[in-house]
PDB file of all heavy atoms in Angstrom:
ATOM      1  N   LYS A   1     131.006 204.582  15.095  1.00  0.00           N
ATOM      2  CA  LYS A   1     131.712 204.047  16.254  1.00  0.00           C
ATOM      3  C   LYS A   1     131.117 204.703  17.570  1.00  0.00           C
ATOM      4  O   LYS A   1     131.116 204.018  18.674  1.00  0.00           O
ATOM      5  CB  LYS A   1     133.183 204.571  16.136  1.00  0.00           C
ATOM      6  CG  LYS A   1     134.026 203.722  15.194  1.00  0.00           C
ATOM      7  CD  LYS A   1     135.384 204.151  15.066  1.00  0.00           C
ATOM      8  CE  LYS A   1     136.220 203.388  14.079  1.00  0.00           C
ATOM      9  NZ  LYS A   1     137.525 203.900  13.794  1.00  0.00           N
ATOM     10  N   GLN A   2     130.606 205.924  17.562  1.00  0.00           N
ATOM     11  CA  GLN A   2     130.001 206.569  18.722  1.00  0.00           C
ATOM     12  C   GLN A   2     128.756 205.852  18.998  1.00  0.00           C
ATOM     13  O   GLN A   2     128.434 205.573  20.227  1.00  0.00           O
ATOM     14  CB  GLN A   2     129.734 208.078  18.507  1.00  0.00           C
ATOM     15  CG  GLN A   2     131.090 208.888  18.433  1.00  0.00           C
ATOM     16  CD  GLN A   2     130.767 210.352  18.126  1.00  0.00           C
ATOM     17  OE1 GLN A   2     130.255 210.659  17.043  1.00  0.00           O
ATOM     18  NE2 GLN A   2     131.134 211.224  19.027  1.00  0.00           N
ATOM     19  N   VAL A   3     127.951 205.538  18.003  1.00  0.00           N
ATOM     20  CA  VAL A   3     126.711 204.812  18.189  1.00  0.00           C
ATOM     21  C   VAL A   3     126.942 203.469  18.730  1.00  0.00           C
ATOM     22  O   VAL A   3     126.259 203.047  19.730  1.00  0.00           O
ATOM     23  CB  VAL A   3     125.907 204.800  16.836  1.00  0.00           C
ATOM     24  CG1 VAL A   3     124.707 203.985  17.019  1.00  0.00           C
ATOM     25  CG2 VAL A   3     125.427 206.201  16.441  1.00  0.00           C
ATOM     26  N   LEU A   4     127.838 202.658  18.172  1.00  0.00           N
ATOM     27  CA  LEU A   4     128.191 201.463  18.686  1.00  0.00           C
ATOM     28  C   LEU A   4     128.664 201.379  20.102  1.00  0.00           C
ATOM     29  O   LEU A   4     128.282 200.617  20.922  1.00  0.00           O
ATOM     30  CB  LEU A   4     129.237 200.737  17.822  1.00  0.00           C
ATOM     31  CG  LEU A   4     128.703 200.356  16.413  1.00  0.00           C
ATOM     32  CD1 LEU A   4     129.900 199.932  15.443  1.00  0.00           C
ATOM     33  CD2 LEU A   4     127.663 199.199  16.374  1.00  0.00           C
ATOM     34  N   SER A   5     129.500 202.450  20.459  1.00  0.00           N
ATOM     35  CA  SER A   5     129.926 202.509  21.853  1.00  0.00           C
ATOM     36  C   SER A   5     128.838 202.889  22.772  1.00  0.00           C
ATOM     37  O   SER A   5     128.752 202.222  23.851  1.00  0.00           O
ATOM     38  CB  SER A   5     131.058 203.609  21.852  1.00  0.00           C
ATOM     39  OG  SER A   5     131.406 203.932  23.180  1.00  0.00           O
ATOM     40  N   LEU A   6     127.923 203.737  22.256  1.00  0.00           N
ATOM     41  CA  LEU A   6     126.711 204.040  23.133  1.00  0.00           C
ATOM     42  C   LEU A   6     125.896 202.738  23.386  1.00  0.00           C
ATOM     43  O   LEU A   6     125.496 202.449  24.550  1.00  0.00           O
ATOM     44  CB  LEU A   6     125.925 205.030  22.471  1.00  0.00           C
ATOM     45  CG  LEU A   6     124.760 205.574  23.327  1.00  0.00           C
ATOM     46  CD1 LEU A   6     125.046 206.305  24.581  1.00  0.00           C
ATOM     47  CD2 LEU A   6     123.800 206.509  22.385  1.00  0.00           C
ATOM     48  N   TYR A   7     125.688 202.003  22.284  1.00  0.00           N
ATOM     49  CA  TYR A   7     124.929 200.704  22.358  1.00  0.00           C
ATOM     50  C   TYR A   7     125.520 199.765  23.425  1.00  0.00           C
ATOM     51  O   TYR A   7     124.930 199.222  24.315  1.00  0.00           O
ATOM     52  CB  TYR A   7     124.883 200.051  21.101  1.00  0.00           C
ATOM     53  CG  TYR A   7     124.011 198.767  21.023  1.00  0.00           C
ATOM     54  CD1 TYR A   7     122.738 198.738  21.377  1.00  0.00           C
ATOM     55  CD2 TYR A   7     124.660 197.665  20.702  1.00  0.00           C
ATOM     56  CE1 TYR A   7     121.973 197.660  21.266  1.00  0.00           C
ATOM     57  CE2 TYR A   7     123.942 196.433  20.572  1.00  0.00           C
ATOM     58  CZ  TYR A   7     122.626 196.420  20.926  1.00  0.00           C
ATOM     59  OH  TYR A   7     121.933 195.269  20.985  1.00  0.00           O
ATOM     60  N   ARG A   8     126.799 199.630  23.350  1.00  0.00           N
ATOM     61  CA  ARG A   8     127.612 198.712  24.295  1.00  0.00           C
ATOM     62  C   ARG A   8     127.409 199.218  25.782  1.00  0.00           C
ATOM     63  O   ARG A   8     127.169 198.468  26.648  1.00  0.00           O
ATOM     64  CB  ARG A   8     128.989 198.621  23.920  1.00  0.00           C
ATOM     65  CG  ARG A   8     129.217 197.665  22.675  1.00  0.00           C
ATOM     66  CD  ARG A   8     130.692 197.243  22.472  1.00  0.00           C
ATOM     67  NE  ARG A   8     131.520 198.417  22.182  1.00  0.00           N
ATOM     68  CZ  ARG A   8     131.765 198.942  20.960  1.00  0.00           C
ATOM     69  NH1 ARG A   8     131.164 198.352  19.848  1.00  0.00           N
ATOM     70  NH2 ARG A   8     132.580 200.056  20.816  1.00  0.00           N
ATOM     71  N   SER A   9     127.570 200.582  25.806  1.00  0.00           N
ATOM     72  CA  SER A   9     127.470 201.096  27.232  1.00  0.00           C
ATOM     73  C   SER A   9     125.964 200.845  27.740  1.00  0.00           C
ATOM     74  O   SER A   9     125.818 200.619  29.009  1.00  0.00           O
ATOM     75  CB  SER A   9     127.724 202.729  27.186  1.00  0.00           C
ATOM     76  OG  SER A   9     128.994 202.838  26.809  1.00  0.00           O
ATOM     77  N   PHE A  10     124.953 201.008  26.903  1.00  0.00           N
ATOM     78  CA  PHE A  10     123.625 200.791  27.272  1.00  0.00           C
ATOM     79  C   PHE A  10     123.367 199.356  27.702  1.00  0.00           C
ATOM     80  O   PHE A  10     122.756 199.012  28.799  1.00  0.00           O
ATOM     81  CB  PHE A  10     122.547 201.096  26.215  1.00  0.00           C
ATOM     82  CG  PHE A  10     121.978 202.467  26.294  1.00  0.00           C
ATOM     83  CD1 PHE A  10     122.319 203.503  25.490  1.00  0.00           C
ATOM     84  CD2 PHE A  10     120.875 202.647  27.169  1.00  0.00           C
ATOM     85  CE1 PHE A  10     121.751 204.661  25.583  1.00  0.00           C
ATOM     86  CE2 PHE A  10     120.253 203.900  27.368  1.00  0.00           C
ATOM     87  CZ  PHE A  10     120.675 204.940  26.542  1.00  0.00           C
ATOM     88  N   LEU A  11     123.991 198.429  26.996  1.00  0.00           N
ATOM     89  CA  LEU A  11     123.768 196.946  27.294  1.00  0.00           C
ATOM     90  C   LEU A  11     124.495 196.719  28.662  1.00  0.00           C
ATOM     91  O   LEU A  11     123.949 195.990  29.568  1.00  0.00           O
ATOM     92  CB  LEU A  11     124.442 196.171  26.310  1.00  0.00           C
ATOM     93  CG  LEU A  11     123.739 196.194  24.919  1.00  0.00           C
ATOM     94  CD1 LEU A  11     124.418 195.262  23.938  1.00  0.00           C
ATOM     95  CD2 LEU A  11     122.224 195.729  25.128  1.00  0.00           C
ATOM     96  N   ARG A  12     125.707 197.374  29.028  1.00  0.00           N
ATOM     97  CA  ARG A  12     126.299 197.075  30.227  1.00  0.00           C
ATOM     98  C   ARG A  12     125.516 197.679  31.516  1.00  0.00           C
ATOM     99  O   ARG A  12     125.320 197.055  32.355  1.00  0.00           O
ATOM    100  CB  ARG A  12     127.701 197.711  30.248  1.00  0.00           C
ATOM    101  CG  ARG A  12     128.772 196.887  29.537  1.00  0.00           C
ATOM    102  CD  ARG A  12     130.152 197.257  29.795  1.00  0.00           C
ATOM    103  NE  ARG A  12     130.440 198.644  29.211  1.00  0.00           N
ATOM    104  CZ  ARG A  12     130.863 198.980  28.009  1.00  0.00           C
ATOM    105  NH1 ARG A  12     130.983 197.906  27.085  1.00  0.00           N
ATOM    106  NH2 ARG A  12     131.030 200.186  27.558  1.00  0.00           N
ATOM    107  N   ALA A  13     125.020 198.946  31.196  1.00  0.00           N
ATOM    108  CA  ALA A  13     124.261 199.597  32.223  1.00  0.00           C
ATOM    109  C   ALA A  13     122.885 198.887  32.499  1.00  0.00           C
ATOM    110  O   ALA A  13     122.364 198.960  33.601  1.00  0.00           O
ATOM    111  CB  ALA A  13     124.102 201.120  31.790  1.00  0.00           C
ATOM    112  N   GLY A  14     122.331 198.410  31.356  1.00  0.00           N
ATOM    113  CA  GLY A  14     121.015 197.648  31.591  1.00  0.00           C
ATOM    114  C   GLY A  14     121.018 196.258  32.131  1.00  0.00           C
ATOM    115  O   GLY A  14     119.953 195.764  32.532  1.00  0.00           O
ATOM    116  N   LYS A  15     122.196 195.665  32.218  1.00  0.00           N
ATOM    117  CA  LYS A  15     122.359 194.291  32.593  1.00  0.00           C
ATOM    118  C   LYS A  15     121.714 193.918  34.081  1.00  0.00           C
ATOM    119  O   LYS A  15     120.974 192.973  34.140  1.00  0.00           O
ATOM    120  CB  LYS A  15     123.796 193.874  32.705  1.00  0.00           C
ATOM    121  CG  LYS A  15     124.243 193.104  31.465  1.00  0.00           C
ATOM    122  CD  LYS A  15     125.651 192.523  31.546  1.00  0.00           C
ATOM    123  CE  LYS A  15     126.008 191.800  30.249  1.00  0.00           C
ATOM    124  NZ  LYS A  15     127.376 192.006  29.925  1.00  0.00           N
ATOM    125  N   GLY A  16     121.897 194.800  34.993  1.00  0.00           N
ATOM    126  CA  GLY A  16     121.473 194.607  36.274  1.00  0.00           C
ATOM    127  C   GLY A  16     119.971 195.050  36.650  1.00  0.00           C
ATOM    128  O   GLY A  16     119.449 194.992  37.677  1.00  0.00           O
ATOM    129  N   LYS A  17     119.342 195.495  35.521  1.00  0.00           N
ATOM    130  CA  LYS A  17     118.036 196.063  35.711  1.00  0.00           C
ATOM    131  C   LYS A  17     117.052 195.244  34.854  1.00  0.00           C
ATOM    132  O   LYS A  17     117.090 195.368  33.582  1.00  0.00           O
ATOM    133  CB  LYS A  17     118.024 197.428  35.253  1.00  0.00           C
ATOM    134  CG  LYS A  17     118.948 198.354  36.121  1.00  0.00           C
ATOM    135  CD  LYS A  17     118.872 199.788  35.991  1.00  0.00           C
ATOM    136  CE  LYS A  17     119.906 200.534  36.897  1.00  0.00           C
ATOM    137  NZ  LYS A  17     119.499 201.647  37.465  1.00  0.00           N
ATOM    138  N   PRO A  18     116.196 194.490  35.515  1.00  0.00           N
ATOM    139  CA  PRO A  18     115.291 193.623  34.763  1.00  0.00           C
ATOM    140  C   PRO A  18     114.353 194.379  33.622  1.00  0.00           C
ATOM    141  O   PRO A  18     113.871 195.440  33.989  1.00  0.00           O
ATOM    142  CB  PRO A  18     114.357 192.975  35.787  1.00  0.00           C
ATOM    143  CG  PRO A  18     115.122 193.152  37.046  1.00  0.00           C
ATOM    144  CD  PRO A  18     115.934 194.401  36.813  1.00  0.00           C
ATOM    145  N   GLY A  19     114.240 193.758  32.504  1.00  0.00           N
ATOM    146  CA  GLY A  19     113.387 194.216  31.450  1.00  0.00           C
ATOM    147  C   GLY A  19     113.938 195.397  30.634  1.00  0.00           C
ATOM    148  O   GLY A  19     113.464 195.792  29.649  1.00  0.00           O
ATOM    149  N   PHE A  20     115.206 195.877  30.947  1.00  0.00           N
ATOM    150  CA  PHE A  20     115.772 196.977  30.165  1.00  0.00           C
ATOM    151  C   PHE A  20     116.446 196.513  28.908  1.00  0.00           C
ATOM    152  O   PHE A  20     116.281 197.226  27.860  1.00  0.00           O
ATOM    153  CB  PHE A  20     116.968 197.644  30.950  1.00  0.00           C
ATOM    154  CG  PHE A  20     116.363 198.664  32.027  1.00  0.00           C
ATOM    155  CD1 PHE A  20     115.481 198.186  33.098  1.00  0.00           C
ATOM    156  CD2 PHE A  20     116.598 199.961  31.920  1.00  0.00           C
ATOM    157  CE1 PHE A  20     115.025 199.172  34.031  1.00  0.00           C
ATOM    158  CE2 PHE A  20     116.042 200.879  32.773  1.00  0.00           C
ATOM    159  CZ  PHE A  20     115.252 200.513  33.780  1.00  0.00           C
ATOM    160  N   LEU A  21     117.137 195.299  28.891  1.00  0.00           N
ATOM    161  CA  LEU A  21     117.775 194.877  27.679  1.00  0.00           C
ATOM    162  C   LEU A  21     116.959 194.785  26.464  1.00  0.00           C
ATOM    163  O   LEU A  21     117.332 195.411  25.367  1.00  0.00           O
ATOM    164  CB  LEU A  21     118.589 193.668  27.920  1.00  0.00           C
ATOM    165  CG  LEU A  21     119.695 193.738  28.919  1.00  0.00           C
ATOM    166  CD1 LEU A  21     120.514 192.405  29.155  1.00  0.00           C
ATOM    167  CD2 LEU A  21     120.758 194.911  28.456  1.00  0.00           C
ATOM    168  N   PRO A  22     115.707 194.117  26.526  1.00  0.00           N
ATOM    169  CA  PRO A  22     114.862 194.122  25.232  1.00  0.00           C
ATOM    170  C   PRO A  22     114.502 195.418  24.775  1.00  0.00           C
ATOM    171  O   PRO A  22     114.437 195.718  23.632  1.00  0.00           O
ATOM    172  CB  PRO A  22     113.712 193.251  25.745  1.00  0.00           C
ATOM    173  CG  PRO A  22     114.145 192.520  27.037  1.00  0.00           C
ATOM    174  CD  PRO A  22     115.143 193.368  27.614  1.00  0.00           C
ATOM    175  N   GLN A  23     114.213 196.371  25.690  1.00  0.00           N
ATOM    176  CA  GLN A  23     113.876 197.689  25.279  1.00  0.00           C
ATOM    177  C   GLN A  23     115.027 198.500  24.662  1.00  0.00           C
ATOM    178  O   GLN A  23     114.804 199.179  23.639  1.00  0.00           O
ATOM    179  CB  GLN A  23     113.401 198.451  26.535  1.00  0.00           C
ATOM    180  CG  GLN A  23     112.321 199.577  26.210  1.00  0.00           C
ATOM    181  CD  GLN A  23     111.732 200.197  27.505  1.00  0.00           C
ATOM    182  OE1 GLN A  23     111.756 199.503  28.557  1.00  0.00           O
ATOM    183  NE2 GLN A  23     111.235 201.437  27.411  1.00  0.00           N
ATOM    184  N   ILE A  24     116.171 198.291  25.190  1.00  0.00           N
ATOM    185  CA  ILE A  24     117.340 198.961  24.648  1.00  0.00           C
ATOM    186  C   ILE A  24     117.629 198.392  23.262  1.00  0.00           C
ATOM    187  O   ILE A  24     117.777 199.170  22.244  1.00  0.00           O
ATOM    188  CB  ILE A  24     118.585 198.718  25.534  1.00  0.00           C
ATOM    189  CG1 ILE A  24     118.385 199.495  26.836  1.00  0.00           C
ATOM    190  CG2 ILE A  24     119.938 199.068  24.916  1.00  0.00           C
ATOM    191  CD1 ILE A  24     119.431 198.996  27.926  1.00  0.00           C
ATOM    192  N   ARG A  25     117.600 197.120  23.041  1.00  0.00           N
ATOM    193  CA  ARG A  25     117.882 196.507  21.766  1.00  0.00           C
ATOM    194  C   ARG A  25     116.810 196.876  20.689  1.00  0.00           C
ATOM    195  O   ARG A  25     117.109 197.269  19.597  1.00  0.00           O
ATOM    196  CB  ARG A  25     117.716 194.912  21.824  1.00  0.00           C
ATOM    197  CG  ARG A  25     119.060 194.404  22.519  1.00  0.00           C
ATOM    198  CD  ARG A  25     119.071 192.819  22.451  1.00  0.00           C
ATOM    199  NE  ARG A  25     120.273 192.325  23.109  1.00  0.00           N
ATOM    200  CZ  ARG A  25     120.244 191.806  24.317  1.00  0.00           C
ATOM    201  NH1 ARG A  25     118.939 191.561  24.954  1.00  0.00           N
ATOM    202  NH2 ARG A  25     121.378 191.382  24.839  1.00  0.00           N
ATOM    203  N   ALA A  26     115.532 196.965  21.152  1.00  0.00           N
ATOM    204  CA  ALA A  26     114.415 197.326  20.223  1.00  0.00           C
ATOM    205  C   ALA A  26     114.603 198.860  19.797  1.00  0.00           C
ATOM    206  O   ALA A  26     114.475 199.101  18.555  1.00  0.00           O
ATOM    207  CB  ALA A  26     113.100 197.168  20.989  1.00  0.00           C
ATOM    208  N   GLU A  27     115.011 199.665  20.630  1.00  0.00           N
ATOM    209  CA  GLU A  27     115.189 201.082  20.250  1.00  0.00           C
ATOM    210  C   GLU A  27     116.380 201.273  19.240  1.00  0.00           C
ATOM    211  O   GLU A  27     116.275 201.985  18.224  1.00  0.00           O
ATOM    212  CB  GLU A  27     115.496 202.005  21.514  1.00  0.00           C
ATOM    213  CG  GLU A  27     115.708 203.419  21.315  1.00  0.00           C
ATOM    214  CD  GLU A  27     114.401 204.189  20.979  1.00  0.00           C
ATOM    215  OE1 GLU A  27     113.464 203.602  21.120  1.00  0.00           O
ATOM    216  OE2 GLU A  27     114.677 205.311  20.503  1.00  0.00           O
ATOM    217  N   PHE A  28     117.377 200.596  19.443  1.00  0.00           N
ATOM    218  CA  PHE A  28     118.571 200.619  18.570  1.00  0.00           C
ATOM    219  C   PHE A  28     118.212 200.010  17.302  1.00  0.00           C
ATOM    220  O   PHE A  28     118.664 200.499  16.231  1.00  0.00           O
ATOM    221  CB  PHE A  28     119.854 200.078  19.204  1.00  0.00           C
ATOM    222  CG  PHE A  28     120.667 201.033  20.151  1.00  0.00           C
ATOM    223  CD1 PHE A  28     120.326 201.228  21.366  1.00  0.00           C
ATOM    224  CD2 PHE A  28     121.658 201.747  19.574  1.00  0.00           C
ATOM    225  CE1 PHE A  28     120.998 202.016  22.124  1.00  0.00           C
ATOM    226  CE2 PHE A  28     122.394 202.713  20.396  1.00  0.00           C
ATOM    227  CZ  PHE A  28     121.899 202.928  21.664  1.00  0.00           C
ATOM    228  N   GLN A  29     117.581 198.931  17.138  1.00  0.00           N
ATOM    229  CA  GLN A  29     117.176 198.213  15.953  1.00  0.00           C
ATOM    230  C   GLN A  29     116.206 199.195  15.162  1.00  0.00           C
ATOM    231  O   GLN A  29     116.370 199.399  13.986  1.00  0.00           O
ATOM    232  CB  GLN A  29     116.551 196.864  16.272  1.00  0.00           C
ATOM    233  CG  GLN A  29     117.437 195.873  16.620  1.00  0.00           C
ATOM    234  CD  GLN A  29     116.802 194.506  17.069  1.00  0.00           C
ATOM    235  OE1 GLN A  29     115.621 194.523  17.385  1.00  0.00           O
ATOM    236  NE2 GLN A  29     117.628 193.429  16.989  1.00  0.00           N
ATOM    237  N   LYS A  30     115.283 199.835  15.973  1.00  0.00           N
ATOM    238  CA  LYS A  30     114.438 200.750  15.199  1.00  0.00           C
ATOM    239  C   LYS A  30     115.182 201.899  14.611  1.00  0.00           C
ATOM    240  O   LYS A  30     114.915 202.230  13.376  1.00  0.00           O
ATOM    241  CB  LYS A  30     113.329 201.263  16.255  1.00  0.00           C
ATOM    242  CG  LYS A  30     112.369 202.237  15.566  1.00  0.00           C
ATOM    243  CD  LYS A  30     111.510 202.881  16.651  1.00  0.00           C
ATOM    244  CE  LYS A  30     112.287 203.909  17.342  1.00  0.00           C
ATOM    245  NZ  LYS A  30     111.586 204.879  18.105  1.00  0.00           N
ATOM    246  N   ASN A  31     116.132 202.416  15.249  1.00  0.00           N
ATOM    247  CA  ASN A  31     116.914 203.611  14.711  1.00  0.00           C
ATOM    248  C   ASN A  31     117.971 203.142  13.754  1.00  0.00           C
ATOM    249  O   ASN A  31     118.486 204.072  12.994  1.00  0.00           O
ATOM    250  CB  ASN A  31     117.496 204.355  15.933  1.00  0.00           C
ATOM    251  CG  ASN A  31     116.438 205.162  16.691  1.00  0.00           C
ATOM    252  OD1 ASN A  31     115.360 205.592  16.071  1.00  0.00           O
ATOM    253  ND2 ASN A  31     116.650 205.370  17.900  1.00  0.00           N
TER     254      ASN A  31
END
């Protein structure tokens, strides 16, 4: 639950910053 919450927080925080979302997704998928 903590990991999922962190992932959702990252997605929200990265929305307004171009290029961040693919990198965030890739990092979580790798881990």
